[in-house]
C-alpha atoms as a PDB file:
ATOM      1  CA  UNK A   1     203.303 219.603 156.968  1.00  0.00           C
ATOM      2  CA  UNK A   2     200.852 222.273 155.989  1.00  0.00           C
ATOM      3  CA  UNK A   3     199.905 220.415 152.795  1.00  0.00           C
ATOM      4  CA  UNK A   4     199.317 217.221 154.744  1.00  0.00           C
ATOM      5  CA  UNK A   5     196.902 219.028 157.111  1.00  0.00           C
ATOM      6  CA  UNK A   6     195.073 220.505 154.122  1.00  0.00           C
ATOM      7  CA  UNK A   7     194.802 217.163 152.356  1.00  0.00           C
ATOM      8  CA  UNK A   8     193.567 215.436 155.502  1.00  0.00           C
ATOM      9  CA  UNK A   9     190.905 218.024 155.882  1.00  0.00           C
ATOM     10  CA  UNK A  10     189.828 217.865 152.296  1.00  0.00           C
ATOM     11  CA  UNK A  11     189.719 214.057 152.301  1.00  0.00           C
ATOM     12  CA  UNK A  12     187.673 214.103 155.478  1.00  0.00           C
ATOM     13  CA  UNK A  13     185.267 216.554 153.920  1.00  0.00           C
ATOM     14  CA  UNK A  14     184.924 214.343 150.778  1.00  0.00           C
ATOM     15  CA  UNK A  15     184.200 211.212 152.840  1.00  0.00           C
ATOM     16  CA  UNK A  16     181.665 212.915 154.993  1.00  0.00           C
ATOM     17  CA  UNK A  17     179.710 214.418 152.125  1.00  0.00           C
ATOM     18  CA  UNK A  18     178.202 211.582 150.038  1.00  0.00           C
ATOM     19  CA  UNK A  19     176.606 212.197 146.669  1.00  0.00           C
ATOM     20  CA  UNK A  20     173.194 211.303 145.296  1.00  0.00           C
ATOM     21  CA  UNK A  21     172.863 207.944 143.571  1.00  0.00           C
ATOM     22  CA  UNK A  22     170.455 209.167 140.965  1.00  0.00           C
ATOM     23  CA  UNK A  23     170.055 205.656 139.444  1.00  0.00           C
ATOM     24  CA  UNK A  24     168.638 204.331 142.766  1.00  0.00           C
ATOM     25  CA  UNK A  25     166.852 207.374 144.168  1.00  0.00           C
ATOM     26  CA  UNK A  26     163.223 208.086 143.387  1.00  0.00           C
ATOM     27  CA  UNK A  27     160.131 210.041 144.490  1.00  0.00           C
ATOM     28  CA  UNK A  28     156.746 208.326 143.862  1.00  0.00           C
ATOM     29  CA  UNK A  29     153.194 209.720 144.106  1.00  0.00           C
ATOM     30  CA  UNK A  30     150.201 207.539 144.414  1.00  0.00           C
ATOM     31  CA  UNK A  31     146.694 208.619 143.510  1.00  0.00           C
ATOM     32  CA  UNK A  32     143.307 207.099 143.634  1.00  0.00           C
ATOM     33  CA  UNK A  33     140.009 207.331 141.700  1.00  0.00           C
ATOM     34  CA  UNK A  34     136.954 205.213 142.343  1.00  0.00           C
ATOM     35  CA  UNK A  35     137.795 203.261 139.106  1.00  0.00           C
ATOM     36  CA  UNK A  36     141.534 202.895 139.431  1.00  0.00           C
ATOM     37  CA  UNK A  37     144.852 203.681 141.227  1.00  0.00           C
ATOM     38  CA  UNK A  38     148.092 204.796 139.614  1.00  0.00           C
ATOM     39  CA  UNK A  39     151.582 205.970 140.472  1.00  0.00           C
ATOM     40  CA  UNK A  40     153.984 208.411 138.967  1.00  0.00           C
ATOM     41  CA  UNK A  41     157.712 208.099 139.520  1.00  0.00           C
ATOM     42  CA  UNK A  42     160.452 210.709 139.274  1.00  0.00           C
ATOM     43  CA  UNK A  43     164.154 209.572 139.133  1.00  0.00           C
ATOM     44  CA  UNK A  44     165.551 213.005 138.363  1.00  0.00           C
ATOM     45  CA  UNK A  45     165.933 215.332 141.262  1.00  0.00           C
ATOM     46  CA  UNK A  46     168.286 217.780 142.958  1.00  0.00           C
ATOM     47  CA  UNK A  47     169.362 216.939 146.497  1.00  0.00           C
ATOM     48  CA  UNK A  48     171.641 219.160 148.746  1.00  0.00           C
ATOM     49  CA  UNK A  49     172.608 217.893 152.144  1.00  0.00           C
ATOM     50  CA  UNK A  50     174.743 218.881 154.998  1.00  0.00           C
ATOM     51  CA  UNK A  51     176.329 216.571 157.694  1.00  0.00           C
ATOM     52  CA  UNK A  52     177.366 217.248 161.226  1.00  0.00           C
ATOM     53  CA  UNK A  53     180.632 216.313 162.922  1.00  0.00           C
ATOM     54  CA  UNK A  54     179.079 212.920 163.844  1.00  0.00           C
ATOM     55  CA  UNK A  55     178.641 212.226 160.126  1.00  0.00           C
ATOM     56  CA  UNK A  56     174.942 212.499 160.432  1.00  0.00           C
ATOM     57  CA  UNK A  57     172.874 214.321 157.874  1.00  0.00           C
ATOM     58  CA  UNK A  58     171.469 217.364 159.599  1.00  0.00           C
ATOM     59  CA  UNK A  59     169.996 219.302 156.791  1.00  0.00           C
ATOM     60  CA  UNK A  60     168.517 218.347 153.361  1.00  0.00           C
ATOM     61  CA  UNK A  61     166.760 220.113 150.523  1.00  0.00           C
ATOM     62  CA  UNK A  62     165.141 218.162 147.664  1.00  0.00           C
ATOM     63  CA  UNK A  63     163.794 219.696 144.428  1.00  0.00           C
ATOM     64  CA  UNK A  64     161.992 217.761 141.700  1.00  0.00           C
ATOM     65  CA  UNK A  65     160.475 219.028 138.529  1.00  0.00           C
ATOM     66  CA  UNK A  66     156.749 218.107 138.063  1.00  0.00           C
ATOM     67  CA  UNK A  67     157.617 217.202 134.484  1.00  0.00           C
ATOM     68  CA  UNK A  68     159.980 214.481 135.840  1.00  0.00           C
ATOM     69  CA  UNK A  69     157.051 212.243 137.003  1.00  0.00           C
ATOM     70  CA  UNK A  70     156.123 209.421 134.723  1.00  0.00           C
ATOM     71  CA  UNK A  71     152.921 207.555 135.295  1.00  0.00           C
ATOM     72  CA  UNK A  72     153.283 205.341 132.293  1.00  0.00           C
ATOM     73  CA  UNK A  73     150.545 207.176 130.459  1.00  0.00           C
ATOM     74  CA  UNK A  74     151.476 210.394 128.533  1.00  0.00           C
ATOM     75  CA  UNK A  75     147.997 211.826 128.533  1.00  0.00           C
ATOM     76  CA  UNK A  76     147.680 211.517 132.200  1.00  0.00           C
ATOM     77  CA  UNK A  77     151.192 213.085 132.778  1.00  0.00           C
ATOM     78  CA  UNK A  78     150.143 216.010 130.476  1.00  0.00           C
ATOM     79  CA  UNK A  79     146.950 216.518 132.486  1.00  0.00           C
ATOM     80  CA  UNK A  80     148.845 216.467 135.812  1.00  0.00           C
ATOM     81  CA  UNK A  81     151.147 219.256 134.324  1.00  0.00           C
ATOM     82  CA  UNK A  82     148.033 221.301 133.491  1.00  0.00           C
ATOM     83  CA  UNK A  83     146.290 220.686 136.855  1.00  0.00           C
ATOM     84  CA  UNK A  84     149.371 221.409 138.881  1.00  0.00           C
ATOM     85  CA  UNK A  85     150.004 224.489 136.711  1.00  0.00           C
ATOM     86  CA  UNK A  86     153.592 223.307 136.081  1.00  0.00           C
ATOM     87  CA  UNK A  87     154.238 226.080 133.616  1.00  0.00           C
ATOM     88  CA  UNK A  88     153.978 228.654 136.407  1.00  0.00           C
ATOM     89  CA  UNK A  89     155.119 226.401 139.291  1.00  0.00           C
ATOM     90  CA  UNK A  90     157.445 223.852 137.683  1.00  0.00           C
ATOM     91  CA  UNK A  91     159.052 222.396 140.836  1.00  0.00           C
ATOM     92  CA  UNK A  92     158.187 220.798 144.156  1.00  0.00           C
ATOM     93  CA  UNK A  93     160.687 221.592 146.911  1.00  0.00           C
ATOM     94  CA  UNK A  94     161.228 220.267 150.394  1.00  0.00           C
ATOM     95  CA  UNK A  95     163.734 221.959 152.878  1.00  0.00           C
ATOM     96  CA  UNK A  96     164.355 220.526 156.248  1.00  0.00           C
ATOM     97  CA  UNK A  97     164.525 222.679 159.299  1.00  0.00           C
ATOM     98  CA  UNK A  98     165.190 220.037 161.865  1.00  0.00           C
ATOM     99  CA  UNK A  99     166.383 216.450 161.893  1.00  0.00           C
ATOM    100  CA  UNK A 100     166.100 214.511 165.144  1.00  0.00           C
ATOM    101  CA  UNK A 101     167.718 210.988 165.230  1.00  0.00           C
ATOM    102  CA  UNK A 102     165.475 208.705 167.344  1.00  0.00           C
ATOM    103  CA  UNK A 103     164.909 204.932 167.890  1.00  0.00           C
ATOM    104  CA  UNK A 104     162.001 205.018 165.454  1.00  0.00           C
ATOM    105  CA  UNK A 105     163.988 206.722 162.733  1.00  0.00           C
ATOM    106  CA  UNK A 106     164.882 210.255 161.773  1.00  0.00           C
ATOM    107  CA  UNK A 107     162.049 212.725 162.577  1.00  0.00           C
ATOM    108  CA  UNK A 108     162.335 215.346 159.749  1.00  0.00           C
ATOM    109  CA  UNK A 109     160.610 218.630 159.971  1.00  0.00           C
ATOM    110  CA  UNK A 110     160.598 221.228 157.226  1.00  0.00           C
ATOM    111  CA  UNK A 111     158.730 222.992 154.581  1.00  0.00           C
ATOM    112  CA  UNK A 112     157.062 221.588 151.390  1.00  0.00           C
ATOM    113  CA  UNK A 113     156.607 224.095 148.567  1.00  0.00           C
ATOM    114  CA  UNK A 114     154.105 222.987 145.804  1.00  0.00           C
ATOM    115  CA  UNK A 115     151.959 224.955 143.463  1.00  0.00           C
ATOM    116  CA  UNK A 116     153.322 228.151 144.960  1.00  0.00           C
ATOM    117  CA  UNK A 117     152.256 227.334 148.538  1.00  0.00           C
ATOM    118  CA  UNK A 118     154.631 226.480 151.311  1.00  0.00           C
ATOM    119  CA  UNK A 119     153.411 224.308 154.201  1.00  0.00           C
ATOM    120  CA  UNK A 120     155.078 222.900 157.257  1.00  0.00           C
ATOM    121  CA  UNK A 121     155.364 219.165 157.326  1.00  0.00           C
ATOM    122  CA  UNK A 122     156.925 216.323 159.361  1.00  0.00           C
ATOM    123  CA  UNK A 123     157.803 212.734 158.563  1.00  0.00           C
ATOM    124  CA  UNK A 124     159.790 209.943 159.930  1.00  0.00           C
ATOM    125  CA  UNK A 125     162.573 208.622 157.644  1.00  0.00           C
ATOM    126  CA  UNK A 126     164.174 205.258 157.958  1.00  0.00           C
ATOM    127  CA  UNK A 127     167.978 205.184 157.322  1.00  0.00           C
ATOM    128  CA  UNK A 128     169.767 202.053 156.257  1.00  0.00           C
ATOM    129  CA  UNK A 129     173.590 201.957 155.832  1.00  0.00           C
ATOM    130  CA  UNK A 130     175.322 199.364 153.737  1.00  0.00           C
ATOM    131  CA  UNK A 131     178.957 199.675 152.896  1.00  0.00           C
ATOM    132  CA  UNK A 132     179.418 203.001 151.169  1.00  0.00           C
ATOM    133  CA  UNK A 133     175.677 203.637 150.616  1.00  0.00           C
ATOM    134  CA  UNK A 134     173.084 205.188 152.907  1.00  0.00           C
ATOM    135  CA  UNK A 135     169.395 204.908 151.968  1.00  0.00           C
ATOM    136  CA  UNK A 136     166.747 207.182 153.342  1.00  0.00           C
ATOM    137  CA  UNK A 137     163.199 205.983 152.839  1.00  0.00           C
ATOM    138  CA  UNK A 138     159.831 207.380 153.977  1.00  0.00           C
ATOM    139  CA  UNK A 139     156.382 208.446 153.020  1.00  0.00           C
ATOM    140  CA  UNK A 140     153.837 211.179 153.793  1.00  0.00           C
ATOM    141  CA  UNK A 141     150.437 212.173 152.584  1.00  0.00           C
ATOM    142  CA  UNK A 142     149.484 215.555 151.114  1.00  0.00           C
ATOM    143  CA  UNK A 143     146.117 216.964 150.215  1.00  0.00           C
ATOM    144  CA  UNK A 144     145.674 218.534 146.779  1.00  0.00           C
ATOM    145  CA  UNK A 145     143.272 221.158 148.257  1.00  0.00           C
ATOM    146  CA  UNK A 146     145.847 222.261 150.817  1.00  0.00           C
ATOM    147  CA  UNK A 147     147.955 223.405 147.788  1.00  0.00           C
ATOM    148  CA  UNK A 148     144.888 224.897 145.974  1.00  0.00           C
ATOM    149  CA  UNK A 149     145.034 222.245 143.261  1.00  0.00           C
ATOM    150  CA  UNK A 150     141.719 221.431 141.654  1.00  0.00           C
ATOM    151  CA  UNK A 151     141.257 217.676 141.634  1.00  0.00           C
ATOM    152  CA  UNK A 152     140.946 216.267 138.213  1.00  0.00           C
ATOM    153  CA  UNK A 153     137.941 214.097 137.442  1.00  0.00           C
ATOM    154  CA  UNK A 154     137.140 211.139 135.287  1.00  0.00           C
ATOM    155  CA  UNK A 155     133.494 210.500 134.261  1.00  0.00           C
ATOM    156  CA  UNK A 156     132.437 213.470 136.551  1.00  0.00           C
ATOM    157  CA  UNK A 157     134.056 211.773 139.569  1.00  0.00           C
ATOM    158  CA  UNK A 158     137.022 213.581 141.167  1.00  0.00           C
ATOM    159  CA  UNK A 159     140.215 211.831 142.225  1.00  0.00           C
ATOM    160  CA  UNK A 160     140.754 211.479 145.925  1.00  0.00           C
ATOM    161  CA  UNK A 161     142.151 214.601 147.638  1.00  0.00           C
ATOM    162  CA  UNK A 162     144.896 212.670 149.434  1.00  0.00           C
ATOM    163  CA  UNK A 163     148.157 211.862 147.430  1.00  0.00           C
ATOM    164  CA  UNK A 164     150.652 209.547 149.028  1.00  0.00           C
ATOM    165  CA  UNK A 165     154.322 210.432 148.515  1.00  0.00           C
ATOM    166  CA  UNK A 166     157.071 207.847 148.955  1.00  0.00           C
ATOM    167  CA  UNK A 167     160.726 208.629 148.588  1.00  0.00           C
ATOM    168  CA  UNK A 168     164.019 206.739 148.465  1.00  0.00           C
ATOM    169  CA  UNK A 169     167.100 208.903 148.569  1.00  0.00           C
ATOM    170  CA  UNK A 170     170.329 206.911 148.204  1.00  0.00           C
ATOM    171  CA  UNK A 171     173.602 208.613 148.959  1.00  0.00           C
ATOM    172  CA  UNK A 172     177.025 207.118 148.233  1.00  0.00           C
ATOM    173  CA  UNK A 173     180.429 208.115 149.557  1.00  0.00           C
ATOM    174  CA  UNK A 174     182.413 210.076 147.086  1.00  0.00           C
END
């Protein structure tokens, strides 16, 4: 009887704690310059999440290495590593402090750490469930100058200060 209870608890824990589908998950940044626009995509990230007793995610932390972003142009990626001082600050981390499930989506509040600076942020996340997969998507802007990052320039014209971040986190039941 004791073993049955332990197995039931363990199986319930495993079912309620999905794992990251790294093949489907991504974080994308979009940047603009007067002459062109580009994106960089990271597929490699660390995600830690906790669920409540209603099987709702109630806490998440996401960490991505700056070197994981690929814009399709190696020289641009090298310059981004230099501009963001990735040798000293190699990761970008988001840690939630509050998740509120609403009719418009999940309002997620937390802290974003980038370039050694931590700032409060909030975004609305759309959650879509399909069989054994749950997809969390959303976007938010950041300003490079808020994180003391000098904007790179091309032909003496700086890139826009605003960088748009999109994310797609796909969790699957274990």
